[in-house]
PDB file of N, CA and C in Angstrom:
ATOM      1  N   MET A   1       0.841  -1.182   0.000  1.00  0.00           N
ATOM      2  CA  MET A   1       0.000   0.000   0.000  1.00  0.00           C
ATOM      3  C   MET A   1       0.885   1.243   0.000  1.00  0.00           C
ATOM      4  N   ARG A   2       0.459   2.232  -0.734  1.00  0.00           N
ATOM      5  CA  ARG A   2       1.207   3.477  -0.799  1.00  0.00           C
ATOM      6  C   ARG A   2       0.568   4.508   0.120  1.00  0.00           C
ATOM      7  N   LYS A   3       1.347   5.123   0.970  1.00  0.00           N
ATOM      8  CA  LYS A   3       0.864   6.167   1.878  1.00  0.00           C
ATOM      9  C   LYS A   3       1.310   7.518   1.332  1.00  0.00           C
ATOM     10  N   PHE A   4       0.359   8.433   1.152  1.00  0.00           N
ATOM     11  CA  PHE A   4       0.688   9.755   0.655  1.00  0.00           C
ATOM     12  C   PHE A   4       1.090  10.638   1.820  1.00  0.00           C
ATOM     13  N   GLU A   5       2.130  11.429   1.626  1.00  0.00           N
ATOM     14  CA  GLU A   5       2.722  12.223   2.700  1.00  0.00           C
ATOM     15  C   GLU A   5       2.016  13.557   2.932  1.00  0.00           C
ATOM     16  N   ASN A   6       1.267  14.034   1.981  1.00  0.00           N
ATOM     17  CA  ASN A   6       0.612  15.331   2.185  1.00  0.00           C
ATOM     18  C   ASN A   6      -0.877  15.221   1.871  1.00  0.00           C
ATOM     19  N   GLY A   7      -1.573  16.293   2.133  1.00  0.00           N
ATOM     20  CA  GLY A   7      -3.018  16.280   1.929  1.00  0.00           C
ATOM     21  C   GLY A   7      -3.450  16.704   0.537  1.00  0.00           C
ATOM     22  N   THR A   8      -2.501  16.925  -0.365  1.00  0.00           N
ATOM     23  CA  THR A   8      -2.848  17.371  -1.708  1.00  0.00           C
ATOM     24  C   THR A   8      -2.663  16.211  -2.674  1.00  0.00           C
ATOM     25  N   ILE A   9      -3.760  15.580  -3.006  1.00  0.00           N
ATOM     26  CA  ILE A   9      -3.744  14.409  -3.876  1.00  0.00           C
ATOM     27  C   ILE A   9      -4.311  14.806  -5.236  1.00  0.00           C
ATOM     28  N   GLY A  10      -3.659  14.370  -6.293  1.00  0.00           N
ATOM     29  CA  GLY A  10      -4.126  14.645  -7.644  1.00  0.00           C
ATOM     30  C   GLY A  10      -4.619  13.375  -8.309  1.00  0.00           C
ATOM     31  N   ILE A  11      -5.676  13.493  -9.072  1.00  0.00           N
ATOM     32  CA  ILE A  11      -6.208  12.396  -9.875  1.00  0.00           C
ATOM     33  C   ILE A  11      -6.373  12.938 -11.287  1.00  0.00           C
ATOM     34  N   ASP A  12      -5.786  12.237 -12.246  1.00  0.00           N
ATOM     35  CA  ASP A  12      -5.893  12.624 -13.643  1.00  0.00           C
ATOM     36  C   ASP A  12      -6.395  11.400 -14.413  1.00  0.00           C
ATOM     37  N   HIS A  13      -7.003  11.602 -15.569  1.00  0.00           N
ATOM     38  CA  HIS A  13      -7.507  10.455 -16.326  1.00  0.00           C
ATOM     39  C   HIS A  13      -7.674  10.827 -17.789  1.00  0.00           C
ATOM     40  N   GLY A  14      -7.828   9.816 -18.627  1.00  0.00           N
ATOM     41  CA  GLY A  14      -8.047  10.058 -20.040  1.00  0.00           C
ATOM     42  C   GLY A  14      -8.256   8.762 -20.806  1.00  0.00           C
ATOM     43  N   ASP A  15      -8.473   8.891 -22.091  1.00  0.00           N
ATOM     44  CA  ASP A  15      -8.618   7.784 -23.034  1.00  0.00           C
ATOM     45  C   ASP A  15      -7.697   8.050 -24.212  1.00  0.00           C
ATOM     46  N   VAL A  16      -7.045   7.007 -24.703  1.00  0.00           N
ATOM     47  CA  VAL A  16      -6.131   7.135 -25.828  1.00  0.00           C
ATOM     48  C   VAL A  16      -6.461   6.051 -26.845  1.00  0.00           C
ATOM     49  N   VAL A  17      -6.725   6.449 -28.087  1.00  0.00           N
ATOM     50  CA  VAL A  17      -6.849   5.473 -29.172  1.00  0.00           C
ATOM     51  C   VAL A  17      -5.430   5.153 -29.607  1.00  0.00           C
ATOM     52  N   LEU A  18      -5.008   3.899 -29.393  1.00  0.00           N
ATOM     53  CA  LEU A  18      -3.628   3.523 -29.694  1.00  0.00           C
ATOM     54  C   LEU A  18      -3.398   3.288 -31.175  1.00  0.00           C
ATOM     55  N   PHE A  19      -4.329   2.653 -31.829  1.00  0.00           N
ATOM     56  CA  PHE A  19      -4.183   2.392 -33.259  1.00  0.00           C
ATOM     57  C   PHE A  19      -5.530   2.025 -33.852  1.00  0.00           C
ATOM     58  N   SER A  20      -5.583   2.109 -35.184  1.00  0.00           N
ATOM     59  CA  SER A  20      -6.763   1.703 -35.943  1.00  0.00           C
ATOM     60  C   SER A  20      -6.240   1.018 -37.203  1.00  0.00           C
ATOM     61  N   ASP A  21      -5.661  -0.173 -37.029  1.00  0.00           N
ATOM     62  CA  ASP A  21      -4.898  -0.842 -38.080  1.00  0.00           C
ATOM     63  C   ASP A  21      -5.741  -1.510 -39.163  1.00  0.00           C
ATOM     64  N   PHE A  22      -7.033  -1.678 -38.966  1.00  0.00           N
ATOM     65  CA  PHE A  22      -7.858  -2.300 -40.012  1.00  0.00           C
ATOM     66  C   PHE A  22      -8.006  -1.380 -41.218  1.00  0.00           C
ATOM     67  N   GLU A  23      -7.869  -0.078 -41.004  1.00  0.00           N
ATOM     68  CA  GLU A  23      -8.046   0.890 -42.083  1.00  0.00           C
ATOM     69  C   GLU A  23      -6.965   0.775 -43.160  1.00  0.00           C
ATOM     70  N   ASP A  24      -5.743   0.411 -42.730  1.00  0.00           N
ATOM     71  CA  ASP A  24      -4.633   0.338 -43.693  1.00  0.00           C
ATOM     72  C   ASP A  24      -3.879  -0.994 -43.621  1.00  0.00           C
ATOM     73  N   ASP A  25      -4.565  -2.052 -43.148  1.00  0.00           N
ATOM     74  CA  ASP A  25      -3.942  -3.376 -43.012  1.00  0.00           C
ATOM     75  C   ASP A  25      -2.629  -3.315 -42.235  1.00  0.00           C
ATOM     76  N   GLY A  26      -2.644  -2.586 -41.131  1.00  0.00           N
ATOM     77  CA  GLY A  26      -1.453  -2.430 -40.299  1.00  0.00           C
ATOM     78  C   GLY A  26      -1.053  -3.726 -39.606  1.00  0.00           C
ATOM     79  N   GLN A  27       0.075  -3.668 -38.892  1.00  0.00           N
ATOM     80  CA  GLN A  27       0.667  -4.874 -38.301  1.00  0.00           C
ATOM     81  C   GLN A  27      -0.208  -5.551 -37.254  1.00  0.00           C
ATOM     82  N   MET A  28      -1.004  -4.811 -36.518  1.00  0.00           N
ATOM     83  CA  MET A  28      -1.860  -5.445 -35.510  1.00  0.00           C
ATOM     84  C   MET A  28      -3.001  -6.230 -36.168  1.00  0.00           C
ATOM     85  N   TRP A  29      -3.431  -5.782 -37.354  1.00  0.00           N
ATOM     86  CA  TRP A  29      -4.534  -6.426 -38.046  1.00  0.00           C
ATOM     87  C   TRP A  29      -4.056  -7.569 -38.934  1.00  0.00           C
ATOM     88  N   ARG A  30      -3.001  -7.383 -39.667  1.00  0.00           N
ATOM     89  CA  ARG A  30      -2.540  -8.400 -40.616  1.00  0.00           C
ATOM     90  C   ARG A  30      -1.258  -9.112 -40.188  1.00  0.00           C
ATOM     91  N   GLY A  31      -0.573  -8.620 -39.177  1.00  0.00           N
ATOM     92  CA  GLY A  31       0.698  -9.210 -38.765  1.00  0.00           C
ATOM     93  C   GLY A  31       0.525 -10.471 -37.940  1.00  0.00           C
ATOM     94  N   GLU A  32       1.634 -11.123 -37.676  1.00  0.00           N
ATOM     95  CA  GLU A  32       1.665 -12.302 -36.810  1.00  0.00           C
ATOM     96  C   GLU A  32       2.875 -12.197 -35.898  1.00  0.00           C
ATOM     97  N   GLY A  33       2.857 -13.005 -34.836  1.00  0.00           N
ATOM     98  CA  GLY A  33       3.959 -12.992 -33.880  1.00  0.00           C
ATOM     99  C   GLY A  33       3.820 -11.863 -32.885  1.00  0.00           C
ATOM    100  N   PRO A  34       4.871 -11.621 -32.098  1.00  0.00           N
ATOM    101  CA  PRO A  34       4.819 -10.563 -31.082  1.00  0.00           C
ATOM    102  C   PRO A  34       4.743  -9.179 -31.740  1.00  0.00           C
ATOM    103  N   ARG A  35       3.776  -8.382 -31.282  1.00  0.00           N
ATOM    104  CA  ARG A  35       3.592  -7.020 -31.771  1.00  0.00           C
ATOM    105  C   ARG A  35       3.222  -6.134 -30.608  1.00  0.00           C
ATOM    106  N   GLN A  36       3.567  -4.856 -30.715  1.00  0.00           N
ATOM    107  CA  GLN A  36       3.173  -3.907 -29.673  1.00  0.00           C
ATOM    108  C   GLN A  36       2.913  -2.537 -30.269  1.00  0.00           C
ATOM    109  N   SER A  37       2.095  -1.776 -29.548  1.00  0.00           N
ATOM    110  CA  SER A  37       1.826  -0.384 -29.874  1.00  0.00           C
ATOM    111  C   SER A  37       2.037   0.409 -28.590  1.00  0.00           C
ATOM    112  N   ARG A  38       2.648   1.570 -28.712  1.00  0.00           N
ATOM    113  CA  ARG A  38       3.013   2.367 -27.536  1.00  0.00           C
ATOM    114  C   ARG A  38       2.584   3.813 -27.766  1.00  0.00           C
ATOM    115  N   ALA A  39       2.068   4.453 -26.708  1.00  0.00           N
ATOM    116  CA  ALA A  39       1.687   5.866 -26.782  1.00  0.00           C
ATOM    117  C   ALA A  39       2.121   6.576 -25.506  1.00  0.00           C
ATOM    118  N   ALA A  40       2.698   7.757 -25.680  1.00  0.00           N
ATOM    119  CA  ALA A  40       3.114   8.570 -24.534  1.00  0.00           C
ATOM    120  C   ALA A  40       1.939   9.406 -24.040  1.00  0.00           C
ATOM    121  N   VAL A  41       1.783   9.475 -22.722  1.00  0.00           N
ATOM    122  CA  VAL A  41       0.744  10.284 -22.079  1.00  0.00           C
ATOM    123  C   VAL A  41       1.439  11.318 -21.193  1.00  0.00           C
ATOM    124  N   VAL A  42       0.987  12.561 -21.270  1.00  0.00           N
ATOM    125  CA  VAL A  42       1.509  13.632 -20.418  1.00  0.00           C
ATOM    126  C   VAL A  42       0.393  14.036 -19.461  1.00  0.00           C
ATOM    127  N   PHE A  43       0.692  14.073 -18.166  1.00  0.00           N
ATOM    128  CA  PHE A  43      -0.297  14.476 -17.170  1.00  0.00           C
ATOM    129  C   PHE A  43      -0.625  15.957 -17.306  1.00  0.00           C
ATOM    130  N   ALA A  44      -1.826  16.349 -16.900  1.00  0.00           N
ATOM    131  CA  ALA A  44      -2.247  17.748 -16.947  1.00  0.00           C
ATOM    132  C   ALA A  44      -1.393  18.609 -16.020  1.00  0.00           C
ATOM    133  N   GLN A  45      -0.909  18.025 -14.934  1.00  0.00           N
ATOM    134  CA  GLN A  45      -0.045  18.713 -13.967  1.00  0.00           C
ATOM    135  C   GLN A  45       0.957  17.701 -13.451  1.00  0.00           C
ATOM    136  N   SER A  46       2.170  18.142 -13.180  1.00  0.00           N
ATOM    137  CA  SER A  46       3.202  17.236 -12.670  1.00  0.00           C
ATOM    138  C   SER A  46       2.914  16.829 -11.232  1.00  0.00           C
ATOM    139  N   TYR A  47       3.206  15.591 -10.921  1.00  0.00           N
ATOM    140  CA  TYR A  47       3.152  15.089  -9.550  1.00  0.00           C
ATOM    141  C   TYR A  47       4.512  15.329  -8.891  1.00  0.00           C
ATOM    142  N   THR A  48       4.569  15.255  -7.556  1.00  0.00           N
ATOM    143  CA  THR A  48       5.850  15.425  -6.868  1.00  0.00           C
ATOM    144  C   THR A  48       6.684  14.145  -6.886  1.00  0.00           C
ATOM    145  N   LYS A  49       6.031  13.004  -7.062  1.00  0.00           N
ATOM    146  CA  LYS A  49       6.677  11.699  -7.174  1.00  0.00           C
ATOM    147  C   LYS A  49       5.926  10.939  -8.267  1.00  0.00           C
ATOM    148  N   PRO A  50       6.526   9.909  -8.857  1.00  0.00           N
ATOM    149  CA  PRO A  50       5.764   9.129  -9.835  1.00  0.00           C
ATOM    150  C   PRO A  50       4.471   8.603  -9.205  1.00  0.00           C
ATOM    151  N   PRO A  51       3.339   8.850  -9.851  1.00  0.00           N
ATOM    152  CA  PRO A  51       2.049   8.437  -9.287  1.00  0.00           C
ATOM    153  C   PRO A  51       1.753   6.966  -9.544  1.00  0.00           C
ATOM    154  N   HIS A  52       0.684   6.484  -8.955  1.00  0.00           N
ATOM    155  CA  HIS A  52       0.152   5.171  -9.297  1.00  0.00           C
ATOM    156  C   HIS A  52      -0.671   5.367 -10.568  1.00  0.00           C
ATOM    157  N   VAL A  53      -0.495   4.490 -11.551  1.00  0.00           N
ATOM    158  CA  VAL A  53      -1.232   4.593 -12.809  1.00  0.00           C
ATOM    159  C   VAL A  53      -1.937   3.271 -13.079  1.00  0.00           C
ATOM    160  N   GLN A  54      -3.194   3.366 -13.419  1.00  0.00           N
ATOM    161  CA  GLN A  54      -3.995   2.184 -13.764  1.00  0.00           C
ATOM    162  C   GLN A  54      -4.469   2.341 -15.200  1.00  0.00           C
ATOM    163  N   VAL A  55      -4.312   1.276 -16.003  1.00  0.00           N
ATOM    164  CA  VAL A  55      -4.777   1.295 -17.387  1.00  0.00           C
ATOM    165  C   VAL A  55      -5.718   0.125 -17.636  1.00  0.00           C
ATOM    166  N   SER A  56      -6.636   0.309 -18.563  1.00  0.00           N
ATOM    167  CA  SER A  56      -7.557  -0.768 -18.943  1.00  0.00           C
ATOM    168  C   SER A  56      -8.030  -0.542 -20.374  1.00  0.00           C
ATOM    169  N   ILE A  57      -8.361  -1.620 -21.041  1.00  0.00           N
ATOM    170  CA  ILE A  57      -8.886  -1.506 -22.392  1.00  0.00           C
ATOM    171  C   ILE A  57     -10.325  -0.986 -22.283  1.00  0.00           C
ATOM    172  N   SER A  58     -10.600   0.149 -22.926  1.00  0.00           N
ATOM    173  CA  SER A  58     -11.949   0.717 -22.875  1.00  0.00           C
ATOM    174  C   SER A  58     -12.724   0.457 -24.173  1.00  0.00           C
ATOM    175  N   MET A  59     -12.020   0.025 -25.231  1.00  0.00           N
ATOM    176  CA  MET A  59     -12.677  -0.375 -26.467  1.00  0.00           C
ATOM    177  C   MET A  59     -11.682  -1.205 -27.262  1.00  0.00           C
ATOM    178  N   TRP A  60     -12.181  -2.319 -27.804  1.00  0.00           N
ATOM    179  CA  TRP A  60     -11.361  -3.046 -28.770  1.00  0.00           C
ATOM    180  C   TRP A  60     -12.241  -3.648 -29.836  1.00  0.00           C
ATOM    181  N   ASP A  61     -11.675  -3.688 -30.997  1.00  0.00           N
ATOM    182  CA  ASP A  61     -12.319  -4.272 -32.168  1.00  0.00           C
ATOM    183  C   ASP A  61     -11.350  -5.371 -32.597  1.00  0.00           C
ATOM    184  N   ILE A  62     -11.771  -6.622 -32.428  1.00  0.00           N
ATOM    185  CA  ILE A  62     -10.844  -7.740 -32.597  1.00  0.00           C
ATOM    186  C   ILE A  62     -11.534  -8.862 -33.360  1.00  0.00           C
ATOM    187  N   SER A  63     -10.786  -9.544 -34.199  1.00  0.00           N
ATOM    188  CA  SER A  63     -11.330 -10.627 -35.012  1.00  0.00           C
ATOM    189  C   SER A  63     -11.664 -11.838 -34.149  1.00  0.00           C
ATOM    190  N   ASN A  64     -12.787 -12.493 -34.466  1.00  0.00           N
ATOM    191  CA  ASN A  64     -13.124 -13.728 -33.761  1.00  0.00           C
ATOM    192  C   ASN A  64     -12.672 -14.966 -34.560  1.00  0.00           C
ATOM    193  N   ASN A  65     -11.898 -14.738 -35.625  1.00  0.00           N
ATOM    194  CA  ASN A  65     -11.366 -15.849 -36.415  1.00  0.00           C
ATOM    195  C   ASN A  65     -10.103 -16.455 -35.800  1.00  0.00           C
ATOM    196  N   THR A  66      -9.504 -15.759 -34.844  1.00  0.00           N
ATOM    197  CA  THR A  66      -8.273 -16.224 -34.193  1.00  0.00           C
ATOM    198  C   THR A  66      -8.450 -16.108 -32.683  1.00  0.00           C
ATOM    199  N   ASN A  67      -7.501 -16.643 -31.941  1.00  0.00           N
ATOM    200  CA  ASN A  67      -7.534 -16.497 -30.489  1.00  0.00           C
ATOM    201  C   ASN A  67      -7.320 -15.042 -30.099  1.00  0.00           C
ATOM    202  N   ILE A  68      -7.968 -14.639 -29.023  1.00  0.00           N
ATOM    203  CA  ILE A  68      -7.867 -13.262 -28.531  1.00  0.00           C
ATOM    204  C   ILE A  68      -6.776 -13.211 -27.468  1.00  0.00           C
ATOM    205  N   ARG A  69      -5.693 -12.483 -27.784  1.00  0.00           N
ATOM    206  CA  ARG A  69      -4.560 -12.346 -26.868  1.00  0.00           C
ATOM    207  C   ARG A  69      -4.239 -10.861 -26.734  1.00  0.00           C
ATOM    208  N   ALA A  70      -4.212 -10.358 -25.513  1.00  0.00           N
ATOM    209  CA  ALA A  70      -3.932  -8.939 -25.313  1.00  0.00           C
ATOM    210  C   ALA A  70      -3.316  -8.708 -23.948  1.00  0.00           C
ATOM    211  N   ASP A  71      -2.416  -7.747 -23.898  1.00  0.00           N
ATOM    212  CA  ASP A  71      -1.786  -7.312 -22.654  1.00  0.00           C
ATOM    213  C   ASP A  71      -1.644  -5.797 -22.738  1.00  0.00           C
ATOM    214  N   VAL A  72      -2.101  -5.077 -21.718  1.00  0.00           N
ATOM    215  CA  VAL A  72      -1.949  -3.624 -21.693  1.00  0.00           C
ATOM    216  C   VAL A  72      -1.343  -3.227 -20.349  1.00  0.00           C
ATOM    217  N   GLN A  73      -0.330  -2.349 -20.402  1.00  0.00           N
ATOM    218  CA  GLN A  73       0.395  -1.955 -19.196  1.00  0.00           C
ATOM    219  C   GLN A  73       0.802  -0.493 -19.268  1.00  0.00           C
ATOM    220  N   ALA A  74       1.055   0.089 -18.091  1.00  0.00           N
ATOM    221  CA  ALA A  74       1.668   1.411 -17.983  1.00  0.00           C
ATOM    222  C   ALA A  74       3.148   1.184 -17.720  1.00  0.00           C
ATOM    223  N   GLU A  75       4.002   1.830 -18.511  1.00  0.00           N
ATOM    224  CA  GLU A  75       5.451   1.690 -18.352  1.00  0.00           C
ATOM    225  C   GLU A  75       6.097   3.067 -18.324  1.00  0.00           C
ATOM    226  N   LYS A  76       7.319   3.122 -17.818  1.00  0.00           N
ATOM    227  CA  LYS A  76       8.102   4.366 -17.767  1.00  0.00           C
ATOM    228  C   LYS A  76       7.332   5.485 -17.064  1.00  0.00           C
ATOM    229  N   ILE A  77       6.767   5.193 -15.906  1.00  0.00           N
ATOM    230  CA  ILE A  77       5.979   6.177 -15.162  1.00  0.00           C
ATOM    231  C   ILE A  77       6.907   7.183 -14.495  1.00  0.00           C
ATOM    232  N   THR A  78       6.679   8.464 -14.750  1.00  0.00           N
ATOM    233  CA  THR A  78       7.439   9.547 -14.120  1.00  0.00           C
ATOM    234  C   THR A  78       6.458  10.545 -13.515  1.00  0.00           C
ATOM    235  N   GLU A  79       6.991  11.619 -12.964  1.00  0.00           N
ATOM    236  CA  GLU A  79       6.149  12.672 -12.393  1.00  0.00           C
ATOM    237  C   GLU A  79       5.327  13.397 -13.462  1.00  0.00           C
ATOM    238  N   THR A  80       5.775  13.345 -14.718  1.00  0.00           N
ATOM    239  CA  THR A  80       5.129  14.122 -15.775  1.00  0.00           C
ATOM    240  C   THR A  80       4.323  13.289 -16.771  1.00  0.00           C
ATOM    241  N   GLY A  81       4.472  11.954 -16.753  1.00  0.00           N
ATOM    242  CA  GLY A  81       3.729  11.142 -17.702  1.00  0.00           C
ATOM    243  C   GLY A  81       4.149   9.686 -17.682  1.00  0.00           C
ATOM    244  N   PHE A  82       3.700   8.936 -18.676  1.00  0.00           N
ATOM    245  CA  PHE A  82       3.999   7.508 -18.760  1.00  0.00           C
ATOM    246  C   PHE A  82       3.721   7.023 -20.178  1.00  0.00           C
ATOM    247  N   ASP A  83       4.060   5.781 -20.454  1.00  0.00           N
ATOM    248  CA  ASP A  83       3.755   5.146 -21.731  1.00  0.00           C
ATOM    249  C   ASP A  83       2.679   4.092 -21.535  1.00  0.00           C
ATOM    250  N   ILE A  84       1.679   4.085 -22.417  1.00  0.00           N
ATOM    251  CA  ILE A  84       0.727   2.982 -22.500  1.00  0.00           C
ATOM    252  C   ILE A  84       1.299   1.996 -23.508  1.00  0.00           C
ATOM    253  N   VAL A  85       1.343   0.715 -23.144  1.00  0.00           N
ATOM    254  CA  VAL A  85       1.861  -0.303 -24.052  1.00  0.00           C
ATOM    255  C   VAL A  85       0.817  -1.408 -24.197  1.00  0.00           C
ATOM    256  N   PHE A  86       0.420  -1.662 -25.438  1.00  0.00           N
ATOM    257  CA  PHE A  86      -0.492  -2.754 -25.769  1.00  0.00           C
ATOM    258  C   PHE A  86       0.307  -3.793 -26.533  1.00  0.00           C
ATOM    259  N   ARG A  87       0.179  -5.055 -26.126  1.00  0.00           N
ATOM    260  CA  ARG A  87       0.890  -6.145 -26.790  1.00  0.00           C
ATOM    261  C   ARG A  87      -0.078  -7.252 -27.177  1.00  0.00           C
ATOM    262  N   THR A  88       0.230  -7.890 -28.299  1.00  0.00           N
ATOM    263  CA  THR A  88      -0.447  -9.108 -28.695  1.00  0.00           C
ATOM    264  C   THR A  88       0.588 -10.021 -29.324  1.00  0.00           C
ATOM    265  N   TRP A  89       0.199 -11.260 -29.643  1.00  0.00           N
ATOM    266  CA  TRP A  89       1.155 -12.227 -30.173  1.00  0.00           C
ATOM    267  C   TRP A  89       0.415 -13.301 -30.972  1.00  0.00           C
ATOM    268  N   ALA A  90       1.207 -14.175 -31.574  1.00  0.00           N
ATOM    269  CA  ALA A  90       0.709 -15.284 -32.391  1.00  0.00           C
ATOM    270  C   ALA A  90      -0.130 -14.736 -33.550  1.00  0.00           C
ATOM    271  N   ASP A  91      -1.309 -15.332 -33.800  1.00  0.00           N
ATOM    272  CA  ASP A  91      -2.107 -14.955 -34.966  1.00  0.00           C
ATOM    273  C   ASP A  91      -3.258 -13.997 -34.650  1.00  0.00           C
ATOM    274  N   THR A  92      -3.290 -13.447 -33.449  1.00  0.00           N
ATOM    275  CA  THR A  92      -4.376 -12.543 -33.053  1.00  0.00           C
ATOM    276  C   THR A  92      -4.460 -11.348 -34.005  1.00  0.00           C
ATOM    277  N   GLN A  93      -5.679 -11.004 -34.400  1.00  0.00           N
ATOM    278  CA  GLN A  93      -5.930  -9.868 -35.291  1.00  0.00           C
ATOM    279  C   GLN A  93      -6.689  -8.795 -34.523  1.00  0.00           C
ATOM    280  N   VAL A  94      -6.041  -7.663 -34.307  1.00  0.00           N
ATOM    281  CA  VAL A  94      -6.657  -6.552 -33.582  1.00  0.00           C
ATOM    282  C   VAL A  94      -6.836  -5.386 -34.544  1.00  0.00           C
ATOM    283  N   ALA A  95      -8.078  -4.982 -34.735  1.00  0.00           N
ATOM    284  CA  ALA A  95      -8.367  -3.880 -35.656  1.00  0.00           C
ATOM    285  C   ALA A  95      -8.056  -2.533 -35.022  1.00  0.00           C
ATOM    286  N   ARG A  96      -8.524  -2.327 -33.777  1.00  0.00           N
ATOM    287  CA  ARG A  96      -8.266  -1.058 -33.082  1.00  0.00           C
ATOM    288  C   ARG A  96      -8.443  -1.239 -31.588  1.00  0.00           C
ATOM    289  N   VAL A  97      -7.793  -0.344 -30.845  1.00  0.00           N
ATOM    290  CA  VAL A  97      -7.823  -0.396 -29.385  1.00  0.00           C
ATOM    291  C   VAL A  97      -7.828   1.017 -28.824  1.00  0.00           C
ATOM    292  N   ARG A  98      -8.661   1.225 -27.798  1.00  0.00           N
ATOM    293  CA  ARG A  98      -8.635   2.450 -27.000  1.00  0.00           C
ATOM    294  C   ARG A  98      -8.353   2.040 -25.568  1.00  0.00           C
ATOM    295  N   VAL A  99      -7.499   2.788 -24.888  1.00  0.00           N
ATOM    296  CA  VAL A  99      -7.117   2.471 -23.509  1.00  0.00           C
ATOM    297  C   VAL A  99      -7.486   3.642 -22.604  1.00  0.00           C
ATOM    298  N   ALA A 100      -8.164   3.338 -21.494  1.00  0.00           N
ATOM    299  CA  ALA A 100      -8.480   4.336 -20.466  1.00  0.00           C
ATOM    300  C   ALA A 100      -7.388   4.285 -19.408  1.00  0.00           C
ATOM    301  N   TRP A 101      -7.077   5.432 -18.824  1.00  0.00           N
ATOM    302  CA  TRP A 101      -6.055   5.478 -17.781  1.00  0.00           C
ATOM    303  C   TRP A 101      -6.474   6.439 -16.672  1.00  0.00           C
ATOM    304  N   THR A 102      -5.989   6.142 -15.472  1.00  0.00           N
ATOM    305  CA  THR A 102      -6.194   7.004 -14.309  1.00  0.00           C
ATOM    306  C   THR A 102      -4.905   7.034 -13.508  1.00  0.00           C
ATOM    307  N   SER A 103      -4.513   8.210 -13.064  1.00  0.00           N
ATOM    308  CA  SER A 103      -3.323   8.349 -12.213  1.00  0.00           C
ATOM    309  C   SER A 103      -3.735   8.976 -10.879  1.00  0.00           C
ATOM    310  N   PHE A 104      -3.060   8.530  -9.819  1.00  0.00           N
ATOM    311  CA  PHE A 104      -3.302   9.013  -8.455  1.00  0.00           C
ATOM    312  C   PHE A 104      -1.943   9.316  -7.841  1.00  0.00           C
ATOM    313  N   GLY A 105      -1.770  10.508  -7.288  1.00  0.00           N
ATOM    314  CA  GLY A 105      -0.483  10.800  -6.673  1.00  0.00           C
ATOM    315  C   GLY A 105      -0.463  12.115  -5.935  1.00  0.00           C
ATOM    316  N   GLU A 106       0.713  12.387  -5.360  1.00  0.00           N
ATOM    317  CA  GLU A 106       0.916  13.599  -4.579  1.00  0.00           C
ATOM    318  C   GLU A 106       1.219  14.789  -5.476  1.00  0.00           C
ATOM    319  N   LEU A 107       0.591  15.928  -5.151  1.00  0.00           N
ATOM    320  CA  LEU A 107       0.878  17.190  -5.820  1.00  0.00           C
ATOM    321  C   LEU A 107       1.618  18.094  -4.847  1.00  0.00           C
ATOM    322  N   SER A 108       2.343  19.064  -5.382  1.00  0.00           N
ATOM    323  CA  SER A 108       3.013  20.014  -4.488  1.00  0.00           C
ATOM    324  C   SER A 108       1.958  20.899  -3.822  1.00  0.00           C
ATOM    325  N   HIS A 109       2.316  21.455  -2.687  1.00  0.00           N
ATOM    326  CA  HIS A 109       1.403  22.351  -1.967  1.00  0.00           C
ATOM    327  C   HIS A 109       2.228  23.400  -1.243  1.00  0.00           C
ATOM    328  N   ASP A 110       1.559  24.442  -0.748  1.00  0.00           N
ATOM    329  CA  ASP A 110       2.254  25.591  -0.133  1.00  0.00           C
ATOM    330  C   ASP A 110       3.079  25.196   1.081  1.00  0.00           C
ATOM    331  N   ASP A 111       2.671  24.200   1.847  1.00  0.00           N
ATOM    332  CA  ASP A 111       3.408  23.794   3.040  1.00  0.00           C
ATOM    333  C   ASP A 111       4.497  22.779   2.729  1.00  0.00           C
ATOM    334  N   GLY A 112       4.736  22.505   1.469  1.00  0.00           N
ATOM    335  CA  GLY A 112       5.693  21.464   1.110  1.00  0.00           C
ATOM    336  C   GLY A 112       7.097  21.962   0.851  1.00  0.00           C
ATOM    337  N   TRP A 113       7.421  23.196   1.176  1.00  0.00           N
ATOM    338  CA  TRP A 113       8.764  23.728   0.924  1.00  0.00           C
ATOM    339  C   TRP A 113       9.775  23.186   1.913  1.00  0.00           C
ATOM    340  N   GLU A 114      11.046  23.211   1.517  1.00  0.00           N
ATOM    341  CA  GLU A 114      12.126  22.749   2.372  1.00  0.00           C
ATOM    342  C   GLU A 114      13.062  23.923   2.666  1.00  0.00           C
ATOM    343  N   LEU A 115      13.631  23.957   3.877  1.00  0.00           N
ATOM    344  CA  LEU A 115      14.555  25.031   4.255  1.00  0.00           C
ATOM    345  C   LEU A 115      15.929  24.865   3.627  1.00  0.00           C
ATOM    346  N   TYR A 116      16.360  23.633   3.484  1.00  0.00           N
ATOM    347  CA  TYR A 116      17.732  23.395   2.984  1.00  0.00           C
ATOM    348  C   TYR A 116      17.728  22.444   1.840  1.00  0.00           C
TER     349      TYR A 116
END
């Protein structure tokens, strides 16, 4: 469990369309084997420490002709942003994906200054 040190907590959120590969027969739709798509997210305001970030698939359009394989994660989390990473593998065909995200963390406040 993470304990926040101050009373100023920030929550930010959003949705990101990672790709729409069915439109141009992109690698997620027509490819095979390990594939990934990555998108950088910038927070509306910087946190004082890297926040907790939660991601989830909020929309996917996927073929039912193959097995459905998907992994979505937040990586490279910093005070100012993070990367959303979607992965699939084998013969899975993914037409498009949207990912929702929420961040929770400490924000700076007037009483947070240091003397030295």
